[in-house]
Amino acid sequence: MANIKSAKKRILVAKTRNERNKAIKSSVKTAIKKVDAAVAANDKAAAEAALLSATSAIDKAAKKGVYHKNNAARKVSRLSKAVSAMA
């Protein structure tokens, strides 16, 4: 355990940020799973609705720095491709 006051604060801040990032990543993964489930069920309307919500969640996570912007763009691209391929 750290003895210096600033080091103690860094530990607390890192823990807080870690928990926040974990929660955001978890919600993004859940949104992605909803899109995948709708695609698997071949339900175009549900897939498009889930895609909209997942895209929003991914973009917010990228804006907050949880995901790199290219990583977020790749995730959105793969989901959009899966939904649009559902003819």
PDB file of N, CA and C in Angstrom:
ATOM      1  N   MET A   1       0.842  -1.185   0.000  1.00  0.00           N
ATOM      2  CA  MET A   1       0.000   0.000   0.000  1.00  0.00           C
ATOM      3  C   MET A   1       0.886   1.247   0.000  1.00  0.00           C
ATOM      4  N   ALA A   2       0.443   2.243  -0.700  1.00  0.00           N
ATOM      5  CA  ALA A   2       1.222   3.487  -0.814  1.00  0.00           C
ATOM      6  C   ALA A   2       1.193   4.264   0.494  1.00  0.00           C
ATOM      7  N   ASN A   3       2.249   5.016   0.729  1.00  0.00           N
ATOM      8  CA  ASN A   3       2.330   5.860   1.919  1.00  0.00           C
ATOM      9  C   ASN A   3       2.089   7.323   1.593  1.00  0.00           C
ATOM     10  N   ILE A   4       2.408   7.726   0.375  1.00  0.00           N
ATOM     11  CA  ILE A   4       2.296   9.129  -0.017  1.00  0.00           C
ATOM     12  C   ILE A   4       0.840   9.441  -0.376  1.00  0.00           C
ATOM     13  N   LYS A   5       0.408  10.630   0.072  1.00  0.00           N
ATOM     14  CA  LYS A   5      -1.001  11.007  -0.094  1.00  0.00           C
ATOM     15  C   LYS A   5      -1.435  10.989  -1.553  1.00  0.00           C
ATOM     16  N   SER A   6      -0.612  11.527  -2.440  1.00  0.00           N
ATOM     17  CA  SER A   6      -0.980  11.579  -3.865  1.00  0.00           C
ATOM     18  C   SER A   6      -1.057  10.173  -4.466  1.00  0.00           C
ATOM     19  N   ALA A   7      -0.190   9.287  -4.005  1.00  0.00           N
ATOM     20  CA  ALA A   7      -0.205   7.910  -4.500  1.00  0.00           C
ATOM     21  C   ALA A   7      -1.472   7.189  -4.029  1.00  0.00           C
ATOM     22  N   LYS A   8      -1.888   7.481  -2.783  1.00  0.00           N
ATOM     23  CA  LYS A   8      -3.134   6.886  -2.276  1.00  0.00           C
ATOM     24  C   LYS A   8      -4.317   7.351  -3.116  1.00  0.00           C
ATOM     25  N   LYS A   9      -4.308   8.645  -3.467  1.00  0.00           N
ATOM     26  CA  LYS A   9      -5.394   9.187  -4.280  1.00  0.00           C
ATOM     27  C   LYS A   9      -5.397   8.530  -5.662  1.00  0.00           C
ATOM     28  N   ARG A  10      -4.227   8.346  -6.258  1.00  0.00           N
ATOM     29  CA  ARG A  10      -4.143   7.727  -7.586  1.00  0.00           C
ATOM     30  C   ARG A  10      -4.752   6.321  -7.551  1.00  0.00           C
ATOM     31  N   ILE A  11      -4.509   5.591  -6.458  1.00  0.00           N
ATOM     32  CA  ILE A  11      -5.059   4.239  -6.324  1.00  0.00           C
ATOM     33  C   ILE A  11      -6.580   4.299  -6.309  1.00  0.00           C
ATOM     34  N   LEU A  12      -7.138   5.249  -5.536  1.00  0.00           N
ATOM     35  CA  LEU A  12      -8.592   5.385  -5.461  1.00  0.00           C
ATOM     36  C   LEU A  12      -9.188   5.791  -6.806  1.00  0.00           C
ATOM     37  N   VAL A  13      -8.544   6.747  -7.480  1.00  0.00           N
ATOM     38  CA  VAL A  13      -9.041   7.230  -8.768  1.00  0.00           C
ATOM     39  C   VAL A  13      -8.982   6.112  -9.810  1.00  0.00           C
ATOM     40  N   ALA A  14      -7.883   5.359  -9.794  1.00  0.00           N
ATOM     41  CA  ALA A  14      -7.731   4.260 -10.754  1.00  0.00           C
ATOM     42  C   ALA A  14      -8.817   3.208 -10.539  1.00  0.00           C
ATOM     43  N   LYS A  15      -9.126   2.932  -9.276  1.00  0.00           N
ATOM     44  CA  LYS A  15     -10.164   1.945  -8.963  1.00  0.00           C
ATOM     45  C   LYS A  15     -11.529   2.436  -9.461  1.00  0.00           C
ATOM     46  N   THR A  16     -11.826   3.708  -9.220  1.00  0.00           N
ATOM     47  CA  THR A  16     -13.095   4.291  -9.652  1.00  0.00           C
ATOM     48  C   THR A  16     -13.231   4.222 -11.166  1.00  0.00           C
ATOM     49  N   ARG A  17     -12.165   4.617 -11.870  1.00  0.00           N
ATOM     50  CA  ARG A  17     -12.199   4.614 -13.338  1.00  0.00           C
ATOM     51  C   ARG A  17     -12.320   3.190 -13.880  1.00  0.00           C
ATOM     52  N   ASN A  18     -11.634   2.249 -13.208  1.00  0.00           N
ATOM     53  CA  ASN A  18     -11.682   0.857 -13.626  1.00  0.00           C
ATOM     54  C   ASN A  18     -13.116   0.330 -13.545  1.00  0.00           C
ATOM     55  N   GLU A  19     -13.805   0.638 -12.444  1.00  0.00           N
ATOM     56  CA  GLU A  19     -15.187   0.183 -12.273  1.00  0.00           C
ATOM     57  C   GLU A  19     -16.106   0.819 -13.302  1.00  0.00           C
ATOM     58  N   ARG A  20     -15.894   2.121 -13.580  1.00  0.00           N
ATOM     59  CA  ARG A  20     -16.706   2.822 -14.574  1.00  0.00           C
ATOM     60  C   ARG A  20     -16.497   2.219 -15.955  1.00  0.00           C
ATOM     61  N   ASN A  21     -15.236   1.990 -16.317  1.00  0.00           N
ATOM     62  CA  ASN A  21     -14.935   1.417 -17.622  1.00  0.00           C
ATOM     63  C   ASN A  21     -15.511   0.015 -17.758  1.00  0.00           C
ATOM     64  N   LYS A  22     -15.447  -0.758 -16.684  1.00  0.00           N
ATOM     65  CA  LYS A  22     -15.963  -2.122 -16.706  1.00  0.00           C
ATOM     66  C   LYS A  22     -17.478  -2.108 -16.934  1.00  0.00           C
ATOM     67  N   ALA A  23     -18.170  -1.174 -16.285  1.00  0.00           N
ATOM     68  CA  ALA A  23     -19.621  -1.072 -16.437  1.00  0.00           C
ATOM     69  C   ALA A  23     -19.987  -0.672 -17.864  1.00  0.00           C
ATOM     70  N   ILE A  24     -19.239   0.274 -18.425  1.00  0.00           N
ATOM     71  CA  ILE A  24     -19.518   0.730 -19.792  1.00  0.00           C
ATOM     72  C   ILE A  24     -19.260  -0.396 -20.783  1.00  0.00           C
ATOM     73  N   LYS A  25     -18.138  -1.108 -20.624  1.00  0.00           N
ATOM     74  CA  LYS A  25     -17.819  -2.217 -21.525  1.00  0.00           C
ATOM     75  C   LYS A  25     -18.889  -3.309 -21.443  1.00  0.00           C
ATOM     76  N   SER A  26     -19.360  -3.565 -20.252  1.00  0.00           N
ATOM     77  CA  SER A  26     -20.381  -4.586 -20.052  1.00  0.00           C
ATOM     78  C   SER A  26     -21.674  -4.204 -20.767  1.00  0.00           C
ATOM     79  N   SER A  27     -22.063  -2.943 -20.667  1.00  0.00           N
ATOM     80  CA  SER A  27     -23.298  -2.516 -21.325  1.00  0.00           C
ATOM     81  C   SER A  27     -23.156  -2.567 -22.845  1.00  0.00           C
ATOM     82  N   VAL A  28     -21.967  -2.270 -23.351  1.00  0.00           N
ATOM     83  CA  VAL A  28     -21.725  -2.355 -24.800  1.00  0.00           C
ATOM     84  C   VAL A  28     -21.828  -3.811 -25.249  1.00  0.00           C
ATOM     85  N   LYS A  29     -21.217  -4.723 -24.486  1.00  0.00           N
ATOM     86  CA  LYS A  29     -21.272  -6.142 -24.841  1.00  0.00           C
ATOM     87  C   LYS A  29     -22.706  -6.651 -24.853  1.00  0.00           C
ATOM     88  N   THR A  30     -23.504  -6.202 -23.889  1.00  0.00           N
ATOM     89  CA  THR A  30     -24.911  -6.600 -23.827  1.00  0.00           C
ATOM     90  C   THR A  30     -25.663  -6.100 -25.058  1.00  0.00           C
ATOM     91  N   ALA A  31     -25.399  -4.858 -25.445  1.00  0.00           N
ATOM     92  CA  ALA A  31     -26.065  -4.283 -26.619  1.00  0.00           C
ATOM     93  C   ALA A  31     -25.688  -5.057 -27.877  1.00  0.00           C
ATOM     94  N   ILE A  32     -24.418  -5.450 -27.984  1.00  0.00           N
ATOM     95  CA  ILE A  32     -23.956  -6.212 -29.144  1.00  0.00           C
ATOM     96  C   ILE A  32     -24.635  -7.579 -29.174  1.00  0.00           C
ATOM     97  N   LYS A  33     -24.767  -8.208 -28.006  1.00  0.00           N
ATOM     98  CA  LYS A  33     -25.419  -9.523 -27.934  1.00  0.00           C
ATOM     99  C   LYS A  33     -26.875  -9.441 -28.360  1.00  0.00           C
ATOM    100  N   LYS A  34     -27.546  -8.326 -28.034  1.00  0.00           N
ATOM    101  CA  LYS A  34     -28.941  -8.153 -28.443  1.00  0.00           C
ATOM    102  C   LYS A  34     -29.050  -8.087 -29.960  1.00  0.00           C
ATOM    103  N   VAL A  35     -28.111  -7.379 -30.604  1.00  0.00           N
ATOM    104  CA  VAL A  35     -28.112  -7.295 -32.069  1.00  0.00           C
ATOM    105  C   VAL A  35     -27.871  -8.694 -32.653  1.00  0.00           C
ATOM    106  N   ASP A  36     -26.880  -9.394 -32.113  1.00  0.00           N
ATOM    107  CA  ASP A  36     -26.559 -10.728 -32.617  1.00  0.00           C
ATOM    108  C   ASP A  36     -27.733 -11.692 -32.452  1.00  0.00           C
ATOM    109  N   ALA A  37     -28.433 -11.584 -31.325  1.00  0.00           N
ATOM    110  CA  ALA A  37     -29.584 -12.452 -31.088  1.00  0.00           C
ATOM    111  C   ALA A  37     -30.701 -12.167 -32.087  1.00  0.00           C
ATOM    112  N   ALA A  38     -30.938 -10.878 -32.373  1.00  0.00           N
ATOM    113  CA  ALA A  38     -31.977 -10.506 -33.339  1.00  0.00           C
ATOM    114  C   ALA A  38     -31.610 -10.973 -34.740  1.00  0.00           C
ATOM    115  N   VAL A  39     -30.325 -10.884 -35.078  1.00  0.00           N
ATOM    116  CA  VAL A  39     -29.866 -11.354 -36.391  1.00  0.00           C
ATOM    117  C   VAL A  39     -30.037 -12.869 -36.484  1.00  0.00           C
ATOM    118  N   ALA A  40     -29.687 -13.575 -35.414  1.00  0.00           N
ATOM    119  CA  ALA A  40     -29.817 -15.030 -35.398  1.00  0.00           C
ATOM    120  C   ALA A  40     -31.278 -15.453 -35.513  1.00  0.00           C
ATOM    121  N   ALA A  41     -32.181 -14.667 -34.911  1.00  0.00           N
ATOM    122  CA  ALA A  41     -33.611 -14.970 -34.960  1.00  0.00           C
ATOM    123  C   ALA A  41     -34.236 -14.504 -36.267  1.00  0.00           C
ATOM    124  N   ASN A  42     -33.434 -13.824 -37.103  1.00  0.00           N
ATOM    125  CA  ASN A  42     -33.888 -13.314 -38.406  1.00  0.00           C
ATOM    126  C   ASN A  42     -35.029 -12.312 -38.266  1.00  0.00           C
ATOM    127  N   ASP A  43     -34.968 -11.494 -37.219  1.00  0.00           N
ATOM    128  CA  ASP A  43     -35.983 -10.467 -36.962  1.00  0.00           C
ATOM    129  C   ASP A  43     -35.397  -9.107 -37.341  1.00  0.00           C
ATOM    130  N   LYS A  44     -35.687  -8.678 -38.574  1.00  0.00           N
ATOM    131  CA  LYS A  44     -35.061  -7.464 -39.118  1.00  0.00           C
ATOM    132  C   LYS A  44     -35.415  -6.213 -38.301  1.00  0.00           C
ATOM    133  N   ALA A  45     -36.665  -6.062 -37.924  1.00  0.00           N
ATOM    134  CA  ALA A  45     -37.090  -4.862 -37.190  1.00  0.00           C
ATOM    135  C   ALA A  45     -36.375  -4.771 -35.839  1.00  0.00           C
ATOM    136  N   ALA A  46     -36.344  -5.885 -35.129  1.00  0.00           N
ATOM    137  CA  ALA A  46     -35.681  -5.898 -33.822  1.00  0.00           C
ATOM    138  C   ALA A  46     -34.179  -5.668 -33.977  1.00  0.00           C
ATOM    139  N   ALA A  47     -33.608  -6.234 -35.032  1.00  0.00           N
ATOM    140  CA  ALA A  47     -32.167  -6.081 -35.264  1.00  0.00           C
ATOM    141  C   ALA A  47     -31.825  -4.625 -35.534  1.00  0.00           C
ATOM    142  N   GLU A  48     -32.665  -3.938 -36.328  1.00  0.00           N
ATOM    143  CA  GLU A  48     -32.389  -2.533 -36.628  1.00  0.00           C
ATOM    144  C   GLU A  48     -32.522  -1.658 -35.386  1.00  0.00           C
ATOM    145  N   ALA A  49     -33.522  -1.953 -34.569  1.00  0.00           N
ATOM    146  CA  ALA A  49     -33.703  -1.195 -33.326  1.00  0.00           C
ATOM    147  C   ALA A  49     -32.519  -1.435 -32.384  1.00  0.00           C
ATOM    148  N   ALA A  50     -32.112  -2.702 -32.269  1.00  0.00           N
ATOM    149  CA  ALA A  50     -30.984  -3.037 -31.393  1.00  0.00           C
ATOM    150  C   ALA A  50     -29.693  -2.434 -31.928  1.00  0.00           C
ATOM    151  N   LEU A  51     -29.564  -2.381 -33.252  1.00  0.00           N
ATOM    152  CA  LEU A  51     -28.367  -1.791 -33.869  1.00  0.00           C
ATOM    153  C   LEU A  51     -28.258  -0.313 -33.516  1.00  0.00           C
ATOM    154  N   LEU A  52     -29.379   0.381 -33.570  1.00  0.00           N
ATOM    155  CA  LEU A  52     -29.387   1.808 -33.245  1.00  0.00           C
ATOM    156  C   LEU A  52     -28.918   2.033 -31.805  1.00  0.00           C
ATOM    157  N   SER A  53     -29.448   1.236 -30.899  1.00  0.00           N
ATOM    158  CA  SER A  53     -29.087   1.372 -29.487  1.00  0.00           C
ATOM    159  C   SER A  53     -27.628   0.965 -29.253  1.00  0.00           C
ATOM    160  N   ALA A  54     -27.177  -0.105 -29.930  1.00  0.00           N
ATOM    161  CA  ALA A  54     -25.792  -0.566 -29.757  1.00  0.00           C
ATOM    162  C   ALA A  54     -24.812   0.464 -30.309  1.00  0.00           C
ATOM    163  N   THR A  55     -25.142   1.039 -31.454  1.00  0.00           N
ATOM    164  CA  THR A  55     -24.273   2.053 -32.063  1.00  0.00           C
ATOM    165  C   THR A  55     -24.110   3.238 -31.121  1.00  0.00           C
ATOM    166  N   SER A  56     -25.207   3.646 -30.523  1.00  0.00           N
ATOM    167  CA  SER A  56     -25.180   4.763 -29.581  1.00  0.00           C
ATOM    168  C   SER A  56     -24.280   4.430 -28.386  1.00  0.00           C
ATOM    169  N   ALA A  57     -24.441   3.223 -27.833  1.00  0.00           N
ATOM    170  CA  ALA A  57     -23.649   2.814 -26.671  1.00  0.00           C
ATOM    171  C   ALA A  57     -22.159   2.751 -27.018  1.00  0.00           C
ATOM    172  N   ILE A  58     -21.847   2.220 -28.201  1.00  0.00           N
ATOM    173  CA  ILE A  58     -20.446   2.095 -28.620  1.00  0.00           C
ATOM    174  C   ILE A  58     -19.834   3.479 -28.829  1.00  0.00           C
ATOM    175  N   ASP A  59     -20.579   4.377 -29.472  1.00  0.00           N
ATOM    176  CA  ASP A  59     -20.060   5.721 -29.719  1.00  0.00           C
ATOM    177  C   ASP A  59     -19.818   6.477 -28.414  1.00  0.00           C
ATOM    178  N   LYS A  60     -20.721   6.318 -27.453  1.00  0.00           N
ATOM    179  CA  LYS A  60     -20.539   6.978 -26.154  1.00  0.00           C
ATOM    180  C   LYS A  60     -19.300   6.429 -25.445  1.00  0.00           C
ATOM    181  N   ALA A  61     -19.107   5.106 -25.527  1.00  0.00           N
ATOM    182  CA  ALA A  61     -17.939   4.496 -24.893  1.00  0.00           C
ATOM    183  C   ALA A  61     -16.653   5.003 -25.531  1.00  0.00           C
ATOM    184  N   ALA A  62     -16.667   5.177 -26.854  1.00  0.00           N
ATOM    185  CA  ALA A  62     -15.476   5.679 -27.548  1.00  0.00           C
ATOM    186  C   ALA A  62     -15.218   7.135 -27.162  1.00  0.00           C
ATOM    187  N   LYS A  63     -16.304   7.899 -27.039  1.00  0.00           N
ATOM    188  CA  LYS A  63     -16.165   9.307 -26.672  1.00  0.00           C
ATOM    189  C   LYS A  63     -15.570   9.453 -25.269  1.00  0.00           C
ATOM    190  N   LYS A  64     -15.906   8.518 -24.377  1.00  0.00           N
ATOM    191  CA  LYS A  64     -15.392   8.573 -23.007  1.00  0.00           C
ATOM    192  C   LYS A  64     -14.007   7.963 -22.888  1.00  0.00           C
ATOM    193  N   GLY A  65     -13.489   7.402 -23.983  1.00  0.00           N
ATOM    194  CA  GLY A  65     -12.145   6.847 -23.956  1.00  0.00           C
ATOM    195  C   GLY A  65     -12.068   5.415 -23.493  1.00  0.00           C
ATOM    196  N   VAL A  66     -13.215   4.749 -23.376  1.00  0.00           N
ATOM    197  CA  VAL A  66     -13.197   3.348 -22.956  1.00  0.00           C
ATOM    198  C   VAL A  66     -12.714   2.480 -24.112  1.00  0.00           C
ATOM    199  N   TYR A  67     -13.140   2.820 -25.337  1.00  0.00           N
ATOM    200  CA  TYR A  67     -12.668   2.135 -26.541  1.00  0.00           C
ATOM    201  C   TYR A  67     -11.947   3.142 -27.421  1.00  0.00           C
ATOM    202  N   HIS A  68     -10.946   2.681 -28.143  1.00  0.00           N
ATOM    203  CA  HIS A  68     -10.291   3.518 -29.148  1.00  0.00           C
ATOM    204  C   HIS A  68     -11.280   3.744 -30.283  1.00  0.00           C
ATOM    205  N   LYS A  69     -11.192   4.889 -30.949  1.00  0.00           N
ATOM    206  CA  LYS A  69     -12.188   5.220 -31.975  1.00  0.00           C
ATOM    207  C   LYS A  69     -12.207   4.214 -33.114  1.00  0.00           C
ATOM    208  N   ASN A  70     -11.050   3.658 -33.482  1.00  0.00           N
ATOM    209  CA  ASN A  70     -11.025   2.660 -34.562  1.00  0.00           C
ATOM    210  C   ASN A  70     -11.673   1.353 -34.120  1.00  0.00           C
ATOM    211  N   ASN A  71     -11.470   1.000 -32.867  1.00  0.00           N
ATOM    212  CA  ASN A  71     -12.089  -0.199 -32.314  1.00  0.00           C
ATOM    213  C   ASN A  71     -13.619  -0.039 -32.332  1.00  0.00           C
ATOM    214  N   ALA A  72     -14.080   1.126 -31.915  1.00  0.00           N
ATOM    215  CA  ALA A  72     -15.525   1.400 -31.904  1.00  0.00           C
ATOM    216  C   ALA A  72     -16.075   1.372 -33.327  1.00  0.00           C
ATOM    217  N   ALA A  73     -15.360   1.977 -34.261  1.00  0.00           N
ATOM    218  CA  ALA A  73     -15.810   2.003 -35.658  1.00  0.00           C
ATOM    219  C   ALA A  73     -15.890   0.588 -36.211  1.00  0.00           C
ATOM    220  N   ARG A  74     -14.927  -0.249 -35.848  1.00  0.00           N
ATOM    221  CA  ARG A  74     -14.922  -1.641 -36.310  1.00  0.00           C
ATOM    222  C   ARG A  74     -16.124  -2.414 -35.766  1.00  0.00           C
ATOM    223  N   LYS A  75     -16.428  -2.200 -34.491  1.00  0.00           N
ATOM    224  CA  LYS A  75     -17.579  -2.874 -33.884  1.00  0.00           C
ATOM    225  C   LYS A  75     -18.876  -2.456 -34.578  1.00  0.00           C
ATOM    226  N   VAL A  76     -19.044  -1.155 -34.797  1.00  0.00           N
ATOM    227  CA  VAL A  76     -20.258  -0.635 -35.439  1.00  0.00           C
ATOM    228  C   VAL A  76     -20.358  -1.181 -36.860  1.00  0.00           C
ATOM    229  N   SER A  77     -19.233  -1.200 -37.563  1.00  0.00           N
ATOM    230  CA  SER A  77     -19.213  -1.671 -38.940  1.00  0.00           C
ATOM    231  C   SER A  77     -19.635  -3.133 -39.028  1.00  0.00           C
ATOM    232  N   ARG A  78     -19.122  -3.960 -38.140  1.00  0.00           N
ATOM    233  CA  ARG A  78     -19.452  -5.388 -38.163  1.00  0.00           C
ATOM    234  C   ARG A  78     -20.930  -5.612 -37.861  1.00  0.00           C
ATOM    235  N   LEU A  79     -21.456  -4.856 -36.901  1.00  0.00           N
ATOM    236  CA  LEU A  79     -22.881  -5.001 -36.569  1.00  0.00           C
ATOM    237  C   LEU A  79     -23.751  -4.552 -37.738  1.00  0.00           C
ATOM    238  N   SER A  80     -23.410  -3.417 -38.353  1.00  0.00           N
ATOM    239  CA  SER A  80     -24.201  -2.894 -39.475  1.00  0.00           C
ATOM    240  C   SER A  80     -24.174  -3.878 -40.630  1.00  0.00           C
ATOM    241  N   LYS A  81     -23.010  -4.443 -40.864  1.00  0.00           N
ATOM    242  CA  LYS A  81     -22.862  -5.413 -41.968  1.00  0.00           C
ATOM    243  C   LYS A  81     -23.750  -6.639 -41.713  1.00  0.00           C
ATOM    244  N   ALA A  82     -23.782  -7.104 -40.475  1.00  0.00           N
ATOM    245  CA  ALA A  82     -24.592  -8.280 -40.142  1.00  0.00           C
ATOM    246  C   ALA A  82     -26.075  -7.975 -40.328  1.00  0.00           C
ATOM    247  N   VAL A  83     -26.506  -6.775 -39.900  1.00  0.00           N
ATOM    248  CA  VAL A  83     -27.929  -6.417 -40.011  1.00  0.00           C
ATOM    249  C   VAL A  83     -28.315  -6.205 -41.475  1.00  0.00           C
ATOM    250  N   SER A  84     -27.462  -5.534 -42.236  1.00  0.00           N
ATOM    251  CA  SER A  84     -27.806  -5.247 -43.632  1.00  0.00           C
ATOM    252  C   SER A  84     -27.757  -6.505 -44.493  1.00  0.00           C
ATOM    253  N   ALA A  85     -27.009  -7.530 -44.045  1.00  0.00           N
ATOM    254  CA  ALA A  85     -26.920  -8.770 -44.812  1.00  0.00           C
ATOM    255  C   ALA A  85     -28.149  -9.640 -44.625  1.00  0.00           C
ATOM    256  N   MET A  86     -29.039  -9.221 -43.699  1.00  0.00           N
ATOM    257  CA  MET A  86     -30.228 -10.047 -43.410  1.00  0.00           C
ATOM    258  C   MET A  86     -31.280  -9.942 -44.501  1.00  0.00           C
ATOM    259  N   ALA A  87     -31.295  -9.978 -45.612  1.00  0.00           N
ATOM    260  CA  ALA A  87     -32.351  -9.711 -46.566  1.00  0.00           C
ATOM    261  C   ALA A  87     -33.564 -10.520 -46.447  1.00  0.00           C
TER     262      ALA A  87
END
